[in-house]
Amino acid sequence: MRRLDEILHVLSGASSVVIAVHANADGDAAGSEIALAAFLRERGTQAWIVTPTPFPESYAFLLPDPGWVLPAKSAEEAERCRHADLAVVLDTAEIPRIGRVKGLVRRLPKVVIDHHPPGGRPIDGLVLRDTSACATGVLVFELIDRAGGPWTDVMARALYVAVLTDTGGFRFSNTNPECFRVAARLVQLGADPEALHRAVYGRFHRRRFALLREALATLTVHGGGRIAWMTVPKEAYDALGASLEDLEGFVDVPRDVAGVEVAMLFRTTADGRIKVSFRSLAPWDVNAVAVALGGGGHERAAAAVVAGPLEDAIDRVVRFVEEEF
């Protein structure tokens, strides 16, 4: 509570704030930054969202005004950041994860709100970290609630999506009593569970399913049935004009195979490296594996980027997972 009060005091002293999250924002990151921007604007503070990668199209429905997101690499973005009093970084506390934004906010004092375990290159500033929180959205909820609001439908909907997505629809191991308490309060404040679930999980483009069909052909179960992985064929990804948002939930497919305890999804990035997403069941800590490979995340959900080519990366990572577990 003391740290929440400290952050509220700092926010109260700022007339202009820029809000950033990690690259390739997920629902927790996008929902948290929209809710915080809405809260600050209700209090008369100028609040703008800066993005290391394009704002995710799948969560744009939460934005009351697309103009809240500053155009990347524009004169307006540079100007707003130059004259801001404060930068707030959400859902990550690591310098590499905010990409090009680190240059935009380098001179600004910073507030960091995150629920991930600490990494090796922390962002300096006033930090609120709670790894027991199911989502950063819960911490933003606590901040707004500590301030006594004001609450709006925009905040309630955005934070509900943050919690919904980072718990995998309230089914992952990070789903705890506090998560349901916050979700219930957000419903009271105007979040519609059916409409928001449909908006998040019921509007996938047909190319996603075409790509999933190709990826399913690569599904491999190994290690006596306890380890499984799937790859995203780059040729199909490019031919379909797919985006990272089309990959939402792909890594859960190998994890859902009976008997599998550690699952991985491999994909080739634009620069030829290999992104590996990890998921696990208790007690396996895939964050430890990801950190050892230069990445990070949570105990049950993490990621890393390793050198290619793809087949070599799969062989190295699978052998490493077998050795660790």
Protein backbone atom coordinates (compact mmCIF):
# COMPACT_ATOMS: atom_id res chain seq x y z
CA MET A 1 0.00 0.00 0.00
CA ARG A 2 2.89 2.37 0.72
CA ARG A 3 4.29 1.80 -2.75
CA LEU A 4 0.88 2.43 -4.34
CA ASP A 5 0.68 5.69 -2.41
CA GLU A 6 4.18 6.65 -3.57
CA ILE A 7 3.25 6.01 -7.18
CA LEU A 8 0.00 7.96 -6.87
CA HIS A 9 1.95 10.87 -5.40
CA VAL A 10 4.37 10.84 -8.34
CA LEU A 11 1.50 10.60 -10.85
CA SER A 12 -0.27 13.51 -9.17
CA GLY A 13 2.78 15.69 -9.72
CA ALA A 14 2.95 15.00 -13.46
CA SER A 15 1.00 17.02 -16.00
CA SER A 16 2.03 14.82 -18.94
CA VAL A 17 2.77 11.08 -18.85
CA VAL A 18 3.84 8.60 -21.51
CA ILE A 19 2.95 4.93 -20.99
CA ALA A 20 4.90 2.05 -22.51
CA VAL A 21 4.77 -1.73 -22.42
CA HIS A 22 6.90 -4.53 -23.85
CA ALA A 23 7.24 -5.29 -27.55
CA ASN A 24 4.46 -7.37 -29.13
CA ALA A 25 1.97 -6.34 -26.46
CA ASP A 26 -0.43 -9.00 -25.23
CA GLY A 27 -3.86 -8.48 -23.68
CA ASP A 28 -2.46 -7.75 -20.23
CA ALA A 29 -0.06 -5.11 -21.53
CA ALA A 30 -2.59 -3.48 -23.87
CA GLY A 31 -5.42 -3.52 -21.34
CA SER A 32 -3.23 -2.18 -18.54
CA GLU A 33 -1.89 0.76 -20.54
CA ILE A 34 -5.33 1.74 -21.84
CA ALA A 35 -6.82 1.62 -18.34
CA LEU A 36 -4.00 3.69 -16.85
CA ALA A 37 -4.21 6.25 -19.68
CA ALA A 38 -7.97 6.53 -19.13
CA PHE A 39 -7.49 6.97 -15.37
CA LEU A 40 -4.90 9.71 -15.81
CA ARG A 41 -6.99 11.52 -18.40
CA GLU A 42 -10.01 11.46 -16.07
CA ARG A 43 -7.80 13.23 -13.51
CA GLY A 44 -6.81 15.91 -16.00
CA THR A 45 -3.35 14.54 -16.85
CA GLN A 46 -2.20 14.28 -20.44
CA ALA A 47 -1.50 10.60 -21.06
CA TRP A 48 -0.13 9.03 -24.23
CA ILE A 49 0.76 5.49 -25.23
CA VAL A 50 4.11 4.85 -26.92
CA THR A 51 4.74 1.49 -28.55
CA PRO A 52 7.97 -0.38 -29.32
CA THR A 53 5.98 -2.43 -31.87
CA PRO A 54 2.59 -1.62 -33.46
CA PHE A 55 -0.37 -1.56 -31.11
CA PRO A 56 -2.08 -4.98 -31.43
CA GLU A 57 -5.07 -4.86 -33.75
CA SER A 58 -6.88 -7.52 -31.71
CA TYR A 59 -7.08 -5.18 -28.70
CA ALA A 60 -7.74 -1.93 -30.54
CA PHE A 61 -11.45 -2.28 -29.73
CA LEU A 62 -10.57 -1.26 -26.15
CA LEU A 63 -9.24 2.14 -27.25
CA PRO A 64 -11.85 4.90 -26.94
CA ASP A 65 -9.73 6.98 -29.31
CA PRO A 66 -6.93 5.66 -31.58
CA GLY A 67 -5.26 9.03 -31.09
CA TRP A 68 -4.20 7.95 -27.61
CA VAL A 69 -1.47 5.87 -29.29
CA LEU A 70 1.27 8.11 -30.62
CA PRO A 71 2.33 7.34 -34.21
CA ALA A 72 5.60 5.43 -34.13
CA LYS A 73 8.72 7.38 -35.13
CA SER A 74 6.66 10.53 -35.73
CA ALA A 75 7.43 14.11 -34.83
CA GLU A 76 4.44 14.06 -32.48
CA GLU A 77 5.79 11.04 -30.63
CA ALA A 78 9.19 12.65 -30.20
CA GLU A 79 7.63 15.92 -29.05
CA ARG A 80 5.26 14.31 -26.53
CA CYS A 81 8.08 12.25 -25.02
CA ARG A 82 10.44 15.21 -24.92
CA HIS A 83 7.97 17.32 -22.94
CA ALA A 84 6.57 14.57 -20.70
CA ASP A 85 7.15 14.72 -16.95
CA LEU A 86 7.11 10.97 -16.37
CA ALA A 87 7.24 7.60 -18.12
CA VAL A 88 5.28 4.61 -16.80
CA VAL A 89 6.38 1.17 -17.98
CA LEU A 90 3.90 -1.66 -17.54
CA ASP A 91 4.12 -5.47 -17.72
CA THR A 92 7.90 -5.52 -17.97
CA ALA A 93 10.80 -4.20 -15.93
CA GLU A 94 13.53 -5.04 -18.42
CA ILE A 95 15.30 -2.53 -20.69
CA PRO A 96 15.56 -4.85 -23.74
CA ARG A 97 11.82 -5.55 -23.67
CA ILE A 98 10.81 -1.95 -24.43
CA GLY A 99 12.90 -1.82 -27.60
CA ARG A 100 13.20 1.56 -29.30
CA VAL A 101 11.09 3.22 -26.58
CA LYS A 102 14.07 3.18 -24.23
CA GLY A 103 15.62 5.99 -26.26
CA LEU A 104 12.43 8.05 -26.13
CA VAL A 105 12.12 7.88 -22.33
CA ARG A 106 15.78 7.72 -21.36
CA ARG A 107 15.83 11.14 -19.66
CA LEU A 108 12.46 10.79 -17.93
CA PRO A 109 11.87 9.65 -14.35
CA LYS A 110 10.10 6.30 -14.45
CA VAL A 111 7.48 4.25 -12.67
CA VAL A 112 7.51 0.51 -13.34
CA ILE A 113 4.54 -1.77 -12.60
CA ASP A 114 5.10 -5.45 -13.30
CA HIS A 115 4.29 -8.98 -12.19
CA HIS A 116 7.23 -10.84 -13.76
CA PRO A 117 10.27 -12.15 -11.84
CA PRO A 118 13.24 -9.76 -11.99
CA GLY A 119 15.69 -10.11 -14.86
CA GLY A 120 19.23 -9.01 -15.51
CA ARG A 121 18.73 -5.54 -17.07
CA PRO A 122 16.19 -3.68 -14.91
CA ILE A 123 14.63 -0.33 -15.72
CA ASP A 124 15.55 2.25 -13.09
CA GLY A 125 12.72 3.98 -11.31
CA LEU A 126 10.00 3.59 -8.70
CA VAL A 127 9.06 -0.08 -9.01
CA LEU A 128 5.91 -1.92 -7.99
CA ARG A 129 6.47 -5.64 -8.53
CA ASP A 130 4.23 -8.47 -7.36
CA THR A 131 4.94 -11.86 -8.90
CA SER A 132 1.92 -13.34 -7.15
CA ALA A 133 -0.41 -11.12 -9.18
CA CYS A 134 -2.07 -13.03 -12.02
CA ALA A 135 -1.67 -10.01 -14.31
CA THR A 136 -0.21 -6.53 -14.35
CA GLY A 137 -3.82 -5.45 -14.83
CA VAL A 138 -4.49 -6.47 -11.22
CA LEU A 139 -1.78 -4.09 -10.01
CA VAL A 140 -3.17 -1.26 -12.15
CA PHE A 141 -6.60 -2.07 -10.70
CA GLU A 142 -5.18 -1.79 -7.17
CA LEU A 143 -3.58 1.55 -8.06
CA ILE A 144 -6.81 3.03 -9.39
CA ASP A 145 -8.84 1.55 -6.54
CA ARG A 146 -6.39 2.94 -3.98
CA ALA A 147 -6.94 6.37 -5.52
CA GLY A 148 -10.70 5.96 -5.18
CA GLY A 149 -11.18 6.13 -8.95
CA PRO A 150 -12.77 7.69 -10.85
CA TRP A 151 -13.82 4.51 -12.64
CA THR A 152 -15.13 4.39 -16.19
CA ASP A 153 -16.33 1.63 -18.52
CA VAL A 154 -13.10 2.00 -20.50
CA MET A 155 -10.99 1.14 -17.45
CA ALA A 156 -13.21 -1.74 -16.36
CA ARG A 157 -13.29 -3.33 -19.81
CA ALA A 158 -9.56 -2.92 -20.41
CA LEU A 159 -8.54 -4.37 -17.05
CA TYR A 160 -10.99 -7.26 -17.38
CA VAL A 161 -9.34 -8.17 -20.70
CA ALA A 162 -5.92 -7.89 -19.03
CA VAL A 163 -6.92 -10.42 -16.38
CA LEU A 164 -8.89 -12.63 -18.79
CA THR A 165 -6.03 -13.04 -21.25
CA ASP A 166 -3.12 -13.45 -18.83
CA THR A 167 -4.96 -16.26 -17.06
CA GLY A 168 -5.90 -17.97 -20.31
CA GLY A 169 -9.59 -17.40 -19.68
CA PHE A 170 -9.20 -18.11 -15.93
CA ARG A 171 -7.69 -21.57 -16.49
CA PHE A 172 -3.92 -21.16 -16.01
CA SER A 173 -2.15 -21.91 -12.73
CA ASN A 174 -1.78 -18.18 -11.98
CA THR A 175 -5.57 -17.94 -11.52
CA ASN A 176 -5.97 -17.28 -7.81
CA PRO A 177 -8.69 -15.95 -5.47
CA GLU A 178 -7.45 -12.37 -5.87
CA CYS A 179 -7.86 -12.70 -9.63
CA PHE A 180 -11.54 -13.61 -9.25
CA ARG A 181 -12.09 -10.85 -6.68
CA VAL A 182 -10.73 -8.25 -9.10
CA ALA A 183 -12.67 -9.72 -12.04
CA ALA A 184 -15.89 -9.64 -10.04
CA ARG A 185 -15.35 -5.99 -9.14
CA LEU A 186 -14.64 -5.12 -12.78
CA VAL A 187 -17.91 -6.76 -13.79
CA GLN A 188 -19.68 -4.62 -11.19
CA LEU A 189 -17.98 -1.59 -12.74
CA GLY A 190 -19.31 -2.36 -16.21
CA ALA A 191 -17.22 -5.12 -17.84
CA ASP A 192 -19.41 -7.57 -19.79
CA PRO A 193 -17.78 -11.04 -19.58
CA GLU A 194 -19.63 -12.54 -22.55
CA ALA A 195 -19.05 -9.61 -24.88
CA LEU A 196 -15.38 -9.27 -23.92
CA HIS A 197 -14.69 -12.99 -24.25
CA ARG A 198 -16.24 -12.91 -27.69
CA ALA A 199 -14.25 -9.83 -28.66
CA VAL A 200 -10.98 -11.46 -27.59
CA TYR A 201 -11.46 -15.11 -28.52
CA GLY A 202 -14.25 -15.09 -31.09
CA ARG A 203 -12.94 -12.85 -33.88
CA PHE A 204 -9.95 -14.73 -35.32
CA HIS A 205 -9.23 -14.32 -39.03
CA ARG A 206 -9.55 -17.44 -41.20
CA ARG A 207 -5.82 -17.31 -41.96
CA ARG A 208 -5.16 -18.19 -38.32
CA PHE A 209 -6.88 -21.53 -38.77
CA ALA A 210 -5.12 -22.18 -42.07
CA LEU A 211 -1.82 -21.54 -40.32
CA LEU A 212 -2.82 -23.72 -37.36
CA ARG A 213 -3.54 -26.57 -39.78
CA GLU A 214 0.02 -26.31 -41.10
CA ALA A 215 1.49 -26.08 -37.61
CA LEU A 216 -0.45 -29.09 -36.35
CA ALA A 217 1.33 -31.24 -38.94
CA THR A 218 4.57 -30.54 -37.02
CA LEU A 219 3.25 -31.55 -33.57
CA THR A 220 5.85 -33.79 -31.91
CA VAL A 221 5.62 -35.59 -28.58
CA HIS A 222 8.91 -36.62 -26.96
CA GLY A 223 10.51 -37.58 -23.66
CA GLY A 224 8.18 -40.45 -22.87
CA GLY A 225 5.17 -38.29 -23.65
CA ARG A 226 6.04 -35.51 -21.18
CA ILE A 227 7.55 -32.99 -23.64
CA ALA A 228 5.86 -31.74 -26.82
CA TRP A 229 6.42 -29.00 -29.34
CA MET A 230 5.07 -27.52 -32.52
CA THR A 231 6.62 -25.25 -35.14
CA VAL A 232 5.15 -22.44 -37.20
CA PRO A 233 6.19 -23.08 -40.83
CA LYS A 234 7.70 -19.82 -42.07
CA GLU A 235 6.62 -20.47 -45.66
CA ALA A 236 2.98 -20.81 -44.63
CA TYR A 237 3.24 -17.83 -42.26
CA ASP A 238 4.55 -15.61 -45.06
CA ALA A 239 2.22 -16.96 -47.76
CA LEU A 240 -0.86 -16.37 -45.62
CA GLY A 241 0.24 -12.86 -44.65
CA ALA A 242 -0.07 -13.89 -41.01
CA SER A 243 0.78 -11.70 -38.03
CA LEU A 244 1.95 -12.44 -34.51
CA GLU A 245 -1.61 -11.98 -33.31
CA ASP A 246 -2.62 -14.99 -35.42
CA LEU A 247 -0.37 -17.16 -33.22
CA GLU A 248 -2.39 -16.45 -30.08
CA GLY A 249 -2.81 -19.71 -28.16
CA PHE A 250 -0.75 -21.90 -30.52
CA VAL A 251 1.65 -22.90 -27.73
CA ASP A 252 -1.27 -24.25 -25.71
CA VAL A 253 -1.93 -26.95 -28.31
CA PRO A 254 1.06 -29.18 -27.46
CA ARG A 255 0.48 -28.52 -23.76
CA ASP A 256 -3.08 -29.84 -24.10
CA VAL A 257 -1.87 -33.28 -25.23
CA ALA A 258 -2.53 -35.86 -22.48
CA GLY A 259 0.58 -36.52 -20.41
CA VAL A 260 2.53 -33.48 -21.65
CA GLU A 261 4.07 -31.39 -18.88
CA VAL A 262 6.37 -29.06 -20.86
CA ALA A 263 5.34 -27.60 -24.23
CA MET A 264 7.14 -25.40 -26.72
CA LEU A 265 6.32 -23.44 -29.87
CA PHE A 266 9.11 -22.58 -32.31
CA ARG A 267 8.90 -19.90 -34.98
CA THR A 268 11.43 -18.15 -37.19
CA THR A 269 11.66 -14.39 -36.68
CA ALA A 270 12.20 -11.80 -39.39
CA ASP A 271 15.95 -11.69 -38.66
CA GLY A 272 16.35 -15.46 -38.92
CA ARG A 273 16.51 -16.20 -35.20
CA ILE A 274 14.15 -18.63 -33.48
CA LYS A 275 11.54 -17.52 -30.95
CA VAL A 276 10.72 -20.28 -28.46
CA SER A 277 7.60 -20.00 -26.31
CA PHE A 278 7.39 -22.29 -23.28
CA ARG A 279 4.44 -23.53 -21.24
CA SER A 280 4.45 -26.02 -18.40
CA LEU A 281 2.47 -27.69 -15.68
CA ALA A 282 3.54 -27.65 -12.03
CA PRO A 283 6.17 -28.13 -10.76
CA TRP A 284 8.25 -27.32 -13.86
CA ASP A 285 9.70 -23.80 -13.95
CA VAL A 286 10.12 -22.84 -17.60
CA ASN A 287 11.15 -19.32 -16.61
CA ALA A 288 14.45 -20.78 -15.39
CA VAL A 289 14.96 -22.42 -18.78
CA ALA A 290 14.06 -19.23 -20.64
CA VAL A 291 16.41 -17.12 -18.50
CA ALA A 292 19.25 -19.57 -19.17
CA LEU A 293 18.58 -19.08 -22.90
CA GLY A 294 18.53 -15.27 -22.61
CA GLY A 295 14.78 -14.79 -22.18
CA GLY A 296 12.34 -14.84 -19.27
CA GLY A 297 8.74 -14.77 -18.17
CA HIS A 298 6.79 -16.69 -15.55
CA GLU A 299 7.24 -20.10 -13.93
CA ARG A 300 4.61 -21.65 -16.22
CA ALA A 301 4.87 -19.36 -19.24
CA ALA A 302 8.07 -17.91 -20.66
CA ALA A 303 9.95 -17.28 -23.90
CA ALA A 304 13.41 -16.81 -25.37
CA VAL A 305 15.02 -16.05 -28.72
CA VAL A 306 17.87 -18.33 -29.80
CA ALA A 307 20.09 -18.68 -32.83
CA GLY A 308 18.87 -20.62 -35.87
CA PRO A 309 18.49 -22.48 -38.09
CA LEU A 310 15.19 -23.95 -36.93
CA GLU A 311 16.09 -27.65 -36.79
CA ASP A 312 19.31 -26.94 -34.89
CA ALA A 313 17.44 -24.72 -32.45
CA ILE A 314 14.81 -27.39 -31.81
CA ASP A 315 17.49 -29.99 -31.16
CA ARG A 316 19.43 -27.74 -28.76
CA VAL A 317 16.42 -26.49 -26.83
CA VAL A 318 14.73 -29.89 -26.50
CA ARG A 319 17.96 -31.47 -25.25
CA PHE A 320 18.39 -28.60 -22.78
CA VAL A 321 14.82 -29.03 -21.49
CA GLU A 322 15.38 -32.77 -21.07
CA GLU A 323 18.56 -32.15 -19.10
CA GLU A 324 16.91 -29.56 -16.86
CA PHE A 325 13.74 -31.54 -16.18
